[in-house]
C-alpha atoms as a PDB file:
ATOM      1  CA  UNK A   1       0.000   0.000   0.000  1.00  0.00           C
ATOM      2  CA  UNK A   2       1.306   3.462  -0.874  1.00  0.00           C
ATOM      3  CA  UNK A   3       1.702   6.142   1.754  1.00  0.00           C
ATOM      4  CA  UNK A   4      -0.891   8.891   1.667  1.00  0.00           C
ATOM      5  CA  UNK A   5      -0.674  12.420   2.968  1.00  0.00           C
ATOM      6  CA  UNK A   6      -3.323  13.977   5.218  1.00  0.00           C
ATOM      7  CA  UNK A   7      -5.519  14.949   2.275  1.00  0.00           C
ATOM      8  CA  UNK A   8      -5.480  11.525   0.637  1.00  0.00           C
ATOM      9  CA  UNK A   9      -3.336  12.369  -2.403  1.00  0.00           C
ATOM     10  CA  UNK A  10      -0.967   9.622  -3.497  1.00  0.00           C
ATOM     11  CA  UNK A  11       1.844  11.819  -4.773  1.00  0.00           C
ATOM     12  CA  UNK A  12       2.723  15.478  -4.650  1.00  0.00           C
ATOM     13  CA  UNK A  13       4.933  17.302  -7.102  1.00  0.00           C
ATOM     14  CA  UNK A  14       7.090  20.214  -5.988  1.00  0.00           C
ATOM     15  CA  UNK A  15       6.613  23.111  -8.401  1.00  0.00           C
ATOM     16  CA  UNK A  16       8.550  26.348  -8.666  1.00  0.00           C
ATOM     17  CA  UNK A  17       7.454  29.823  -9.709  1.00  0.00           C
ATOM     18  CA  UNK A  18       8.496  33.464  -9.831  1.00  0.00           C
ATOM     19  CA  UNK A  19       4.829  34.523 -10.120  1.00  0.00           C
ATOM     20  CA  UNK A  20       4.127  35.130  -6.444  1.00  0.00           C
ATOM     21  CA  UNK A  21       0.987  37.122  -7.225  1.00  0.00           C
ATOM     22  CA  UNK A  22      -0.893  33.881  -7.870  1.00  0.00           C
ATOM     23  CA  UNK A  23      -0.823  32.956  -4.165  1.00  0.00           C
ATOM     24  CA  UNK A  24      -3.789  34.029  -2.029  1.00  0.00           C
ATOM     25  CA  UNK A  25      -4.496  34.415   1.676  1.00  0.00           C
ATOM     26  CA  UNK A  26      -6.841  31.755   2.979  1.00  0.00           C
ATOM     27  CA  UNK A  27      -9.813  33.290   4.799  1.00  0.00           C
ATOM     28  CA  UNK A  28      -9.653  32.311   8.479  1.00  0.00           C
ATOM     29  CA  UNK A  29      -5.881  31.827   8.512  1.00  0.00           C
ATOM     30  CA  UNK A  30      -3.788  33.861  10.923  1.00  0.00           C
ATOM     31  CA  UNK A  31      -2.245  37.133   9.811  1.00  0.00           C
ATOM     32  CA  UNK A  32       1.382  37.356   8.744  1.00  0.00           C
ATOM     33  CA  UNK A  33       3.588  38.619  11.560  1.00  0.00           C
ATOM     34  CA  UNK A  34       5.913  41.172   9.879  1.00  0.00           C
ATOM     35  CA  UNK A  35       8.683  40.660  12.459  1.00  0.00           C
ATOM     36  CA  UNK A  36       8.686  36.916  11.808  1.00  0.00           C
ATOM     37  CA  UNK A  37       8.809  37.520   8.042  1.00  0.00           C
ATOM     38  CA  UNK A  38      11.881  39.751   8.539  1.00  0.00           C
ATOM     39  CA  UNK A  39      13.537  37.030  10.658  1.00  0.00           C
ATOM     40  CA  UNK A  40      12.923  34.569   7.841  1.00  0.00           C
ATOM     41  CA  UNK A  41      14.353  37.019   5.299  1.00  0.00           C
ATOM     42  CA  UNK A  42      17.567  37.138   7.324  1.00  0.00           C
ATOM     43  CA  UNK A  43      17.700  33.343   7.568  1.00  0.00           C
ATOM     44  CA  UNK A  44      17.143  33.041   3.816  1.00  0.00           C
ATOM     45  CA  UNK A  45      19.921  35.536   3.123  1.00  0.00           C
ATOM     46  CA  UNK A  46      22.255  33.549   5.409  1.00  0.00           C
ATOM     47  CA  UNK A  47      21.284  30.033   4.324  1.00  0.00           C
ATOM     48  CA  UNK A  48      19.657  30.353   0.901  1.00  0.00           C
ATOM     49  CA  UNK A  49      16.149  29.671  -0.320  1.00  0.00           C
ATOM     50  CA  UNK A  50      15.247  26.309   1.178  1.00  0.00           C
ATOM     51  CA  UNK A  51      11.689  26.087  -0.146  1.00  0.00           C
ATOM     52  CA  UNK A  52      12.841  23.359  -2.513  1.00  0.00           C
ATOM     53  CA  UNK A  53      13.272  21.175   0.576  1.00  0.00           C
ATOM     54  CA  UNK A  54      10.469  22.863   2.544  1.00  0.00           C
ATOM     55  CA  UNK A  55       7.900  24.012  -0.033  1.00  0.00           C
ATOM     56  CA  UNK A  56       4.873  26.052   0.859  1.00  0.00           C
ATOM     57  CA  UNK A  57       1.560  24.198   0.635  1.00  0.00           C
ATOM     58  CA  UNK A  58      -1.396  25.596  -1.305  1.00  0.00           C
ATOM     59  CA  UNK A  59      -4.899  24.547  -2.277  1.00  0.00           C
ATOM     60  CA  UNK A  60      -5.845  23.853  -5.881  1.00  0.00           C
ATOM     61  CA  UNK A  61      -7.038  27.490  -5.997  1.00  0.00           C
ATOM     62  CA  UNK A  62      -3.622  28.723  -4.752  1.00  0.00           C
ATOM     63  CA  UNK A  63      -4.677  29.637  -1.212  1.00  0.00           C
ATOM     64  CA  UNK A  64      -1.695  29.236   1.142  1.00  0.00           C
ATOM     65  CA  UNK A  65      -2.234  26.442   3.655  1.00  0.00           C
ATOM     66  CA  UNK A  66       1.273  26.337   5.148  1.00  0.00           C
ATOM     67  CA  UNK A  67       4.165  28.736   4.598  1.00  0.00           C
ATOM     68  CA  UNK A  68       2.624  32.191   4.465  1.00  0.00           C
ATOM     69  CA  UNK A  69       5.554  33.672   6.408  1.00  0.00           C
ATOM     70  CA  UNK A  70       8.082  32.021   4.080  1.00  0.00           C
ATOM     71  CA  UNK A  71       6.094  33.369   1.128  1.00  0.00           C
ATOM     72  CA  UNK A  72       6.079  36.902   2.596  1.00  0.00           C
ATOM     73  CA  UNK A  73       9.845  36.753   3.161  1.00  0.00           C
ATOM     74  CA  UNK A  74      10.574  35.429  -0.329  1.00  0.00           C
ATOM     75  CA  UNK A  75       8.234  37.981  -1.899  1.00  0.00           C
ATOM     76  CA  UNK A  76      10.108  40.822  -0.165  1.00  0.00           C
ATOM     77  CA  UNK A  77      13.461  39.408  -1.313  1.00  0.00           C
ATOM     78  CA  UNK A  78      12.241  38.876  -4.883  1.00  0.00           C
ATOM     79  CA  UNK A  79      13.035  35.156  -4.792  1.00  0.00           C
ATOM     80  CA  UNK A  80      11.120  32.371  -6.475  1.00  0.00           C
ATOM     81  CA  UNK A  81       8.998  29.935  -4.460  1.00  0.00           C
ATOM     82  CA  UNK A  82       8.715  26.168  -4.414  1.00  0.00           C
ATOM     83  CA  UNK A  83       5.256  24.867  -3.567  1.00  0.00           C
ATOM     84  CA  UNK A  84       3.048  21.809  -3.582  1.00  0.00           C
ATOM     85  CA  UNK A  85      -0.673  21.668  -4.249  1.00  0.00           C
ATOM     86  CA  UNK A  86      -2.859  19.797  -1.773  1.00  0.00           C
ATOM     87  CA  UNK A  87      -6.023  19.525  -3.896  1.00  0.00           C
ATOM     88  CA  UNK A  88      -8.435  18.878  -1.019  1.00  0.00           C
ATOM     89  CA  UNK A  89      -6.881  21.164   1.613  1.00  0.00           C
ATOM     90  CA  UNK A  90      -8.923  23.825   3.402  1.00  0.00           C
ATOM     91  CA  UNK A  91      -8.927  25.914   6.601  1.00  0.00           C
ATOM     92  CA  UNK A  92      -9.416  22.731   8.644  1.00  0.00           C
ATOM     93  CA  UNK A  93      -6.144  21.445   7.184  1.00  0.00           C
ATOM     94  CA  UNK A  94      -4.414  24.618   8.433  1.00  0.00           C
ATOM     95  CA  UNK A  95      -5.842  24.098  11.902  1.00  0.00           C
ATOM     96  CA  UNK A  96      -4.765  20.453  11.852  1.00  0.00           C
ATOM     97  CA  UNK A  97      -1.186  21.359  10.846  1.00  0.00           C
ATOM     98  CA  UNK A  98      -0.870  24.152  13.408  1.00  0.00           C
ATOM     99  CA  UNK A  99      -2.484  22.232  16.269  1.00  0.00           C
ATOM    100  CA  UNK A 100       0.439  19.818  16.364  1.00  0.00           C
ATOM    101  CA  UNK A 101       3.154  22.457  16.159  1.00  0.00           C
ATOM    102  CA  UNK A 102       4.763  24.606  18.780  1.00  0.00           C
ATOM    103  CA  UNK A 103       7.139  27.524  18.669  1.00  0.00           C
ATOM    104  CA  UNK A 104      10.793  26.899  19.420  1.00  0.00           C
ATOM    105  CA  UNK A 105      12.162  28.318  22.655  1.00  0.00           C
ATOM    106  CA  UNK A 106      15.697  29.611  23.113  1.00  0.00           C
ATOM    107  CA  UNK A 107      16.519  26.228  24.701  1.00  0.00           C
ATOM    108  CA  UNK A 108      15.493  24.434  21.513  1.00  0.00           C
ATOM    109  CA  UNK A 109      17.898  26.571  19.497  1.00  0.00           C
ATOM    110  CA  UNK A 110      20.843  26.373  21.902  1.00  0.00           C
ATOM    111  CA  UNK A 111      23.800  24.447  20.535  1.00  0.00           C
ATOM    112  CA  UNK A 112      25.519  22.160  22.998  1.00  0.00           C
END
């Protein structure tokens, strides 16, 4: 049996674009925190554009499900974006993704 993602799709293809205007804000999603977007810009400038390894996730209608801060940072820098389309994703998918996450503390980032 093949592995399936949370929306039931069998395979997802990472796509790349310079047309960032096609991405839309999903109604009900949290607002972009400008300070966090600036932090990500600095990380991207230091480490490169890693969306090929960590693409943003969008619906079939190009609403951002996961990665709106990465998108905001890349848009400001004028970089292209790697993304995957989750055809059946919706605001409940966003809530499901974010429910399991937590922010990193300074302890998480400390190098031993």
